[in-house]
Amino acid sequence: MTTTLLLICDTEVRSRAVVVDDQSGLTVGRGDHADVTVADPGLSRQHFELAWCADELRLRDLGSHNGTR
């Protein structure tokens, strides 16, 4: 079994790794409703989503103002 990690390098908090669930994926943003919160004013409350599609992990921008690169 392979574990997929998302590494968050946050300037306000120490860096941390988050497990990306094999089934549900996760959302990232600065708001309380995001699965992973990051204290960065450049992020939207719900900035992007990581989701599995077959065997690929896909990133989808959730309409953020600054975009996702």
N, C-alpha and C. Protein backbone atom coordinates (compact mmCIF):
# COMPACT_ATOMS: atom_id res chain seq x y z
N MET A 1 0.84 -1.18 0.00
CA MET A 1 0.00 0.00 0.00
C MET A 1 0.88 1.24 0.00
N THR A 2 0.58 2.18 -0.88
CA THR A 2 1.34 3.42 -0.98
C THR A 2 0.60 4.53 -0.24
N THR A 3 1.35 5.33 0.50
CA THR A 3 0.77 6.49 1.18
C THR A 3 1.20 7.74 0.43
N THR A 4 0.24 8.60 0.10
CA THR A 4 0.54 9.85 -0.58
C THR A 4 0.46 10.98 0.43
N LEU A 5 1.52 11.80 0.45
CA LEU A 5 1.58 12.91 1.39
C LEU A 5 1.60 14.24 0.65
N LEU A 6 0.94 15.22 1.21
CA LEU A 6 1.01 16.60 0.75
C LEU A 6 1.86 17.34 1.76
N LEU A 7 2.97 17.95 1.32
CA LEU A 7 3.84 18.69 2.21
C LEU A 7 3.43 20.16 2.19
N ILE A 8 3.07 20.69 3.36
CA ILE A 8 2.66 22.09 3.51
C ILE A 8 3.85 22.85 4.09
N CYS A 9 4.36 23.81 3.35
CA CYS A 9 5.45 24.67 3.83
C CYS A 9 4.85 26.03 4.14
N ASP A 10 4.49 26.25 5.38
CA ASP A 10 3.76 27.43 5.82
C ASP A 10 4.72 28.35 6.56
N THR A 11 4.70 29.65 6.26
CA THR A 11 5.61 30.59 6.92
C THR A 11 5.17 30.90 8.34
N GLU A 12 3.88 30.78 8.64
CA GLU A 12 3.36 31.09 9.97
C GLU A 12 3.49 29.91 10.94
N VAL A 13 3.43 28.71 10.41
CA VAL A 13 3.47 27.49 11.23
C VAL A 13 4.57 26.62 10.64
N ARG A 14 5.13 25.76 11.44
CA ARG A 14 6.17 24.87 10.89
C ARG A 14 5.60 23.99 9.78
N SER A 15 6.47 23.52 8.92
CA SER A 15 6.05 22.65 7.82
C SER A 15 5.44 21.38 8.38
N ARG A 16 4.51 20.81 7.61
CA ARG A 16 3.86 19.59 8.04
C ARG A 16 3.45 18.77 6.82
N ALA A 17 3.28 17.49 7.05
CA ALA A 17 2.84 16.58 5.99
C ALA A 17 1.43 16.11 6.32
N VAL A 18 0.59 16.02 5.28
CA VAL A 18 -0.80 15.60 5.43
C VAL A 18 -1.02 14.41 4.49
N VAL A 19 -1.63 13.36 5.00
CA VAL A 19 -1.94 12.18 4.19
C VAL A 19 -3.13 12.49 3.30
N VAL A 20 -2.99 12.20 2.01
CA VAL A 20 -4.09 12.34 1.06
C VAL A 20 -4.80 10.99 0.99
N ASP A 21 -6.02 10.95 1.49
CA ASP A 21 -6.80 9.72 1.56
C ASP A 21 -6.99 9.12 0.17
N ASP A 22 -6.89 7.79 0.09
CA ASP A 22 -7.03 7.10 -1.19
C ASP A 22 -8.42 7.22 -1.79
N GLN A 23 -9.43 7.52 -1.00
CA GLN A 23 -10.80 7.56 -1.50
C GLN A 23 -11.32 8.98 -1.72
N SER A 24 -11.19 9.83 -0.71
CA SER A 24 -11.91 11.10 -0.76
C SER A 24 -11.08 12.30 -1.19
N GLY A 25 -9.76 12.25 -1.10
CA GLY A 25 -8.97 13.43 -1.41
C GLY A 25 -9.14 14.47 -0.32
N LEU A 26 -8.86 15.76 -0.65
CA LEU A 26 -9.01 16.81 0.35
C LEU A 26 -9.04 18.18 -0.30
N THR A 27 -9.49 19.18 0.49
CA THR A 27 -9.47 20.57 0.04
C THR A 27 -8.46 21.34 0.88
N VAL A 28 -7.85 22.35 0.26
CA VAL A 28 -6.85 23.18 0.92
C VAL A 28 -7.24 24.64 0.77
N GLY A 29 -7.12 25.40 1.85
CA GLY A 29 -7.41 26.83 1.82
C GLY A 29 -7.18 27.43 3.19
N ARG A 30 -7.49 28.72 3.34
CA ARG A 30 -7.28 29.37 4.64
C ARG A 30 -8.53 29.38 5.50
N GLY A 31 -9.66 28.91 4.98
CA GLY A 31 -10.92 28.93 5.73
C GLY A 31 -11.10 27.71 6.62
N ASP A 32 -11.99 27.85 7.58
CA ASP A 32 -12.27 26.77 8.54
C ASP A 32 -12.88 25.53 7.89
N HIS A 33 -13.52 25.66 6.74
CA HIS A 33 -14.19 24.52 6.10
C HIS A 33 -13.25 23.70 5.22
N ALA A 34 -12.03 24.18 5.00
CA ALA A 34 -11.06 23.41 4.23
C ALA A 34 -10.57 22.24 5.07
N ASP A 35 -10.29 21.12 4.42
CA ASP A 35 -9.74 19.97 5.13
C ASP A 35 -8.36 20.28 5.71
N VAL A 36 -7.57 21.05 4.95
CA VAL A 36 -6.24 21.48 5.39
C VAL A 36 -6.22 23.00 5.34
N THR A 37 -6.00 23.62 6.48
CA THR A 37 -5.96 25.09 6.52
C THR A 37 -4.51 25.57 6.51
N VAL A 38 -4.29 26.64 5.74
CA VAL A 38 -2.97 27.25 5.62
C VAL A 38 -3.15 28.74 5.84
N ALA A 39 -2.41 29.29 6.79
CA ALA A 39 -2.52 30.71 7.13
C ALA A 39 -1.72 31.55 6.14
N ASP A 40 -2.28 31.74 4.96
CA ASP A 40 -1.63 32.52 3.91
C ASP A 40 -2.68 33.43 3.27
N PRO A 41 -2.50 34.76 3.35
CA PRO A 41 -3.50 35.67 2.78
C PRO A 41 -3.64 35.55 1.26
N GLY A 42 -2.68 34.91 0.59
CA GLY A 42 -2.76 34.71 -0.85
C GLY A 42 -3.66 33.55 -1.25
N LEU A 43 -4.11 32.76 -0.26
CA LEU A 43 -5.01 31.64 -0.53
C LEU A 43 -6.45 32.04 -0.30
N SER A 44 -7.35 31.46 -1.08
CA SER A 44 -8.78 31.63 -0.85
C SER A 44 -9.20 30.73 0.30
N ARG A 45 -10.42 30.95 0.81
CA ARG A 45 -10.92 30.09 1.90
C ARG A 45 -10.98 28.63 1.46
N GLN A 46 -11.40 28.38 0.24
CA GLN A 46 -11.38 27.04 -0.37
C GLN A 46 -10.57 27.22 -1.66
N HIS A 47 -9.27 26.99 -1.62
CA HIS A 47 -8.40 27.34 -2.74
C HIS A 47 -8.31 26.25 -3.81
N PHE A 48 -7.98 25.02 -3.40
CA PHE A 48 -7.91 23.93 -4.37
C PHE A 48 -8.29 22.61 -3.73
N GLU A 49 -8.54 21.64 -4.60
CA GLU A 49 -8.92 20.30 -4.17
C GLU A 49 -7.94 19.30 -4.79
N LEU A 50 -7.55 18.33 -4.01
CA LEU A 50 -6.80 17.19 -4.52
C LEU A 50 -7.73 15.99 -4.49
N ALA A 51 -7.89 15.35 -5.63
CA ALA A 51 -8.81 14.21 -5.71
C ALA A 51 -8.22 13.14 -6.61
N TRP A 52 -8.53 11.89 -6.27
CA TRP A 52 -8.07 10.76 -7.06
C TRP A 52 -9.01 10.53 -8.23
N CYS A 53 -8.43 10.30 -9.40
CA CYS A 53 -9.17 9.91 -10.60
C CYS A 53 -8.43 8.70 -11.15
N ALA A 54 -9.02 7.52 -10.95
CA ALA A 54 -8.33 6.25 -11.23
C ALA A 54 -7.08 6.21 -10.37
N ASP A 55 -5.91 6.10 -10.98
CA ASP A 55 -4.66 6.04 -10.22
C ASP A 55 -3.90 7.35 -10.22
N GLU A 56 -4.54 8.45 -10.63
CA GLU A 56 -3.88 9.75 -10.70
C GLU A 56 -4.45 10.69 -9.65
N LEU A 57 -3.56 11.44 -9.03
CA LEU A 57 -3.99 12.48 -8.11
C LEU A 57 -4.09 13.77 -8.90
N ARG A 58 -5.27 14.38 -8.90
CA ARG A 58 -5.50 15.59 -9.69
C ARG A 58 -5.77 16.79 -8.79
N LEU A 59 -5.22 17.92 -9.19
CA LEU A 59 -5.43 19.18 -8.49
C LEU A 59 -6.45 20.00 -9.28
N ARG A 60 -7.47 20.51 -8.60
CA ARG A 60 -8.49 21.34 -9.25
C ARG A 60 -8.64 22.64 -8.47
N ASP A 61 -8.44 23.76 -9.16
CA ASP A 61 -8.63 25.07 -8.56
C ASP A 61 -10.12 25.25 -8.28
N LEU A 62 -10.46 25.76 -7.13
CA LEU A 62 -11.86 25.92 -6.73
C LEU A 62 -12.35 27.36 -6.92
N GLY A 63 -11.88 28.01 -7.99
CA GLY A 63 -12.31 29.37 -8.29
C GLY A 63 -11.57 30.42 -7.49
N SER A 64 -10.33 30.11 -7.09
CA SER A 64 -9.56 31.04 -6.29
C SER A 64 -9.24 32.31 -7.08
N HIS A 65 -9.13 33.41 -6.38
CA HIS A 65 -8.85 34.70 -7.02
C HIS A 65 -7.44 34.74 -7.61
N ASN A 66 -6.47 34.19 -6.90
CA ASN A 66 -5.07 34.24 -7.34
C ASN A 66 -4.66 33.06 -8.21
N GLY A 67 -5.52 32.08 -8.38
CA GLY A 67 -5.20 30.93 -9.21
C GLY A 67 -4.33 29.92 -8.49
N THR A 68 -4.07 28.82 -9.19
CA THR A 68 -3.25 27.73 -8.66
C THR A 68 -2.21 27.37 -9.70
N ARG A 69 -0.95 27.30 -9.27
CA ARG A 69 0.14 26.95 -10.20
C ARG A 69 0.79 25.66 -9.76
